[in-house]
Protein backbone atom coordinates (compact mmCIF):
# COMPACT_ATOMS: atom_id res chain seq x y z
CA MET A 1 -5.26 -29.64 27.69
CA CYS A 2 -8.22 -31.24 26.32
CA GLU A 3 -9.81 -31.88 29.42
CA LYS A 4 -9.96 -28.25 30.25
CA ARG A 5 -10.95 -27.59 27.08
CA LEU A 6 -14.43 -29.62 27.66
CA VAL A 7 -15.00 -27.94 31.10
CA GLU A 8 -15.16 -24.89 29.79
CA GLY A 9 -17.33 -26.08 26.74
CA ARG A 10 -19.37 -27.84 28.82
CA LYS A 11 -20.04 -24.42 30.78
CA LYS A 12 -21.28 -23.18 27.56
CA VAL A 13 -23.74 -25.18 27.18
CA ARG A 14 -27.48 -23.65 27.63
CA VAL A 15 -31.06 -25.27 28.13
CA THR A 16 -33.65 -23.43 26.44
CA LYS A 17 -36.63 -24.68 25.28
CA LEU A 18 -36.97 -23.10 22.02
CA CYS A 19 -34.87 -25.56 21.45
CA PRO A 20 -35.81 -28.53 18.97
CA PRO A 21 -35.44 -31.75 21.04
CA GLY A 22 -31.97 -33.77 20.42
CA ILE A 23 -30.59 -31.25 18.80
CA CYS A 24 -27.46 -28.60 19.92
CA ILE A 25 -27.73 -25.87 18.09
CA ASN A 26 -24.08 -23.78 18.82
CA LEU A 27 -24.66 -19.84 18.30
CA LEU A 28 -21.55 -17.24 18.53
CA GLY A 29 -19.89 -20.53 20.78
CA PHE A 30 -22.97 -20.70 23.08
CA MET A 31 -23.96 -24.46 22.93
CA PHE A 32 -28.29 -24.48 23.15
CA THR A 33 -30.52 -27.60 23.58
CA ARG A 34 -33.72 -28.58 25.24
CA ASN A 35 -32.34 -31.64 27.58
CA ASN A 36 -28.30 -31.01 27.89
CA LYS A 37 -28.45 -34.91 29.31
CA TRP A 38 -27.73 -35.79 26.28
CA ILE A 39 -24.73 -33.75 25.59
CA ASP A 40 -21.39 -35.86 26.14
CA ASP A 41 -17.99 -34.87 25.10
CA LYS A 42 -18.37 -35.96 22.18
CA VAL A 43 -20.80 -33.27 21.62
CA ILE A 44 -19.08 -30.80 23.39
CA ASN A 45 -15.71 -31.48 21.04
CA HIS A 46 -17.96 -31.05 17.80
CA GLU A 47 -19.46 -27.45 19.07
CA LEU A 48 -16.04 -26.67 19.84
CA ILE A 49 -14.67 -27.52 16.61
CA HIS A 50 -17.44 -25.63 14.69
CA THR A 51 -16.33 -22.31 17.59
CA ALA A 52 -13.35 -22.87 15.78
CA GLN A 53 -14.72 -22.38 12.51
CA MET A 54 -16.30 -19.13 13.58
CA LYS A 55 -13.43 -17.86 14.98
CA GLU A 56 -11.49 -18.29 11.67
CA LEU A 57 -14.34 -16.64 9.54
CA TRP A 58 -14.86 -13.88 11.55
CA VAL A 59 -18.61 -15.79 12.55
CA LEU A 60 -20.79 -13.95 10.32
CA PRO A 61 -19.05 -15.21 7.13
CA PHE A 62 -19.27 -18.96 9.18
CA TYR A 63 -23.41 -18.39 8.89
CA ILE A 64 -23.57 -17.20 5.49
CA LEU A 65 -21.08 -19.87 4.38
CA TYR A 66 -23.18 -22.36 6.30
CA LEU A 67 -26.58 -21.32 5.18
CA LEU A 68 -25.79 -21.41 1.75
CA GLU A 69 -23.84 -25.23 1.76
CA TRP A 70 -26.41 -26.06 2.95
CA THR A 71 -28.99 -24.89 0.99
CA ILE A 72 -26.74 -25.92 -2.37
CA LYS A 73 -27.04 -29.01 -0.81
CA PHE A 74 -31.15 -29.63 0.00
CA PHE A 75 -31.33 -28.91 -4.05
CA LYS A 76 -28.89 -31.77 -4.77
CA TYR A 77 -30.89 -34.35 -2.33
CA LEU A 78 -33.75 -32.99 -1.30
CA ASN A 79 -33.77 -34.27 2.13
CA TRP A 80 -32.73 -31.81 5.17
CA HIS A 81 -30.92 -34.31 7.21
CA LYS A 82 -28.64 -35.21 4.18
CA ALA A 83 -27.98 -31.73 3.13
CA TYR A 84 -27.39 -31.24 7.18
CA ARG A 85 -24.64 -33.85 7.05
CA ASN A 86 -22.87 -33.54 3.99
CA ILE A 87 -22.13 -29.62 5.09
CA SER A 88 -18.29 -29.41 4.84
CA PHE A 89 -18.02 -27.45 8.45
CA GLU A 90 -20.45 -31.22 9.50
CA ARG A 91 -18.70 -33.45 7.94
CA GLU A 92 -15.27 -32.37 9.68
CA ALA A 93 -17.10 -31.88 13.28
CA TYR A 94 -17.95 -35.62 12.56
CA THR A 95 -15.30 -36.55 11.61
CA HIS A 96 -13.50 -35.44 14.64
CA GLY A 97 -15.72 -35.32 17.14
CA ASP A 98 -14.51 -37.66 19.23
CA ASP A 99 -10.64 -36.85 18.70
CA PHE A 100 -10.16 -35.09 21.73
CA ASP A 101 -6.85 -33.26 20.53
CA TYR A 102 -7.69 -32.38 17.16
CA LEU A 103 -8.00 -28.66 17.76
CA THR A 104 -4.72 -29.08 19.02
CA TYR A 105 -3.43 -29.65 15.93
CA ARG A 106 -5.95 -28.67 13.62
CA ARG A 107 -4.76 -26.79 10.55
CA PRO A 108 -6.96 -22.83 9.73
CA MET A 109 -9.54 -23.59 7.32
CA ALA A 110 -9.54 -27.24 7.61
CA TRP A 111 -13.20 -27.64 7.04
CA ARG A 112 -12.32 -26.48 3.19
CA MET A 113 -11.03 -30.31 2.59
CA PHE A 114 -14.71 -31.70 3.56
CA LEU A 115 -16.64 -29.77 0.18
């Protein structure tokens, strides 16, 4: 089952020069990157976890909460990367990014455990 999910996820990767190098941005379940050669199964799984988070929050609230939490963490740490890595959505995705079965047993709103 996870193999099928990863294959479907890989089909949603879009290459664009608008994306900064070494970054993968998930917008509405589609993954945008400048160069997809570095996108492996772990990155796909990470982004699929974000897609699950988006679906359970009905997309727009996900982006609002994501931005709000990043802003709060940025003022706390005064470092954009540290703020990013401490967003609850990112913490869940990084913690379980290498567990390819995670989405089969993930509980709804699991990101709240990382607040």
